């Protein structure tokens, strides 16, 4: 995220994971991201529509 904010000048970095993947959600929280939403049937993986848990971090500067 530092590269995105510091080098690229981004205002926000976002990520998503499968809601059932608790470990991924924990990692995103640990690196400073916060829950930003929940998308039902957001993308198709192997022929099945899947939900996504969304996270985001905003620039402090």
Protein backbone atom coordinates (compact mmCIF):
# COMPACT_ATOMS: atom_id res chain seq x y z
CA UNK A 1 0.00 0.00 0.00
CA UNK A 2 2.92 2.31 0.68
CA UNK A 3 3.95 2.13 -2.97
CA UNK A 4 0.43 2.98 -4.11
CA UNK A 5 0.10 5.92 -1.77
CA UNK A 6 3.68 7.22 -1.77
CA UNK A 7 4.90 6.52 -5.30
CA UNK A 8 1.70 6.48 -7.34
CA UNK A 9 -0.20 9.13 -5.39
CA UNK A 10 -3.33 6.99 -4.99
CA UNK A 11 -6.03 8.19 -2.61
CA UNK A 12 -7.47 4.74 -1.98
CA UNK A 13 -6.38 1.12 -2.29
CA UNK A 14 -9.04 -1.58 -2.36
CA UNK A 15 -9.12 -5.37 -2.21
CA UNK A 16 -11.63 -8.15 -2.03
CA UNK A 17 -11.79 -11.71 -0.79
CA UNK A 18 -14.20 -14.59 -0.49
CA UNK A 19 -16.35 -14.04 2.62
CA UNK A 20 -15.61 -17.61 3.74
CA UNK A 21 -11.85 -16.99 3.63
CA UNK A 22 -11.37 -15.71 7.16
CA UNK A 23 -7.57 -15.81 6.89
CA UNK A 24 -7.53 -13.45 3.90
CA UNK A 25 -9.92 -11.05 5.62
CA UNK A 26 -7.65 -11.10 8.68
CA UNK A 27 -4.58 -10.30 6.56
CA UNK A 28 -6.33 -7.36 4.87
CA UNK A 29 -7.36 -6.01 8.28
CA UNK A 30 -3.87 -6.54 9.69
CA UNK A 31 -2.26 -4.44 6.92
CA UNK A 32 -4.57 -1.53 7.72
CA UNK A 33 -7.56 -2.06 5.46
CA UNK A 34 -11.10 -1.69 6.72
CA UNK A 35 -14.29 -3.41 5.64
CA UNK A 36 -15.87 -1.38 2.84
CA UNK A 37 -18.79 -3.49 1.68
CA UNK A 38 -20.22 -6.79 0.60
CA UNK A 39 -21.08 -7.68 -2.99
CA UNK A 40 -23.56 -10.46 -3.70
CA UNK A 41 -22.92 -12.47 -6.86
CA UNK A 42 -20.04 -10.15 -7.72
CA UNK A 43 -17.94 -12.39 -9.96
CA UNK A 44 -18.09 -15.74 -11.64
CA UNK A 45 -15.51 -18.38 -10.74
CA UNK A 46 -15.59 -21.79 -12.44
CA UNK A 47 -19.18 -21.24 -13.54
CA UNK A 48 -20.49 -20.18 -10.11
CA UNK A 49 -21.38 -16.67 -9.03
CA UNK A 50 -19.53 -15.72 -5.85
CA UNK A 51 -19.92 -13.05 -3.21
CA UNK A 52 -17.01 -10.75 -2.29
CA UNK A 53 -16.08 -9.04 0.95
CA UNK A 54 -14.57 -5.65 0.09
CA UNK A 55 -11.85 -3.79 1.98
CA UNK A 56 -10.28 -0.36 1.48
CA UNK A 57 -7.56 1.88 2.86
CA UNK A 58 -7.35 5.61 2.27
CA UNK A 59 -4.30 7.84 2.11
CA UNK A 60 -3.49 9.82 5.25
CA UNK A 61 -1.65 12.54 3.38
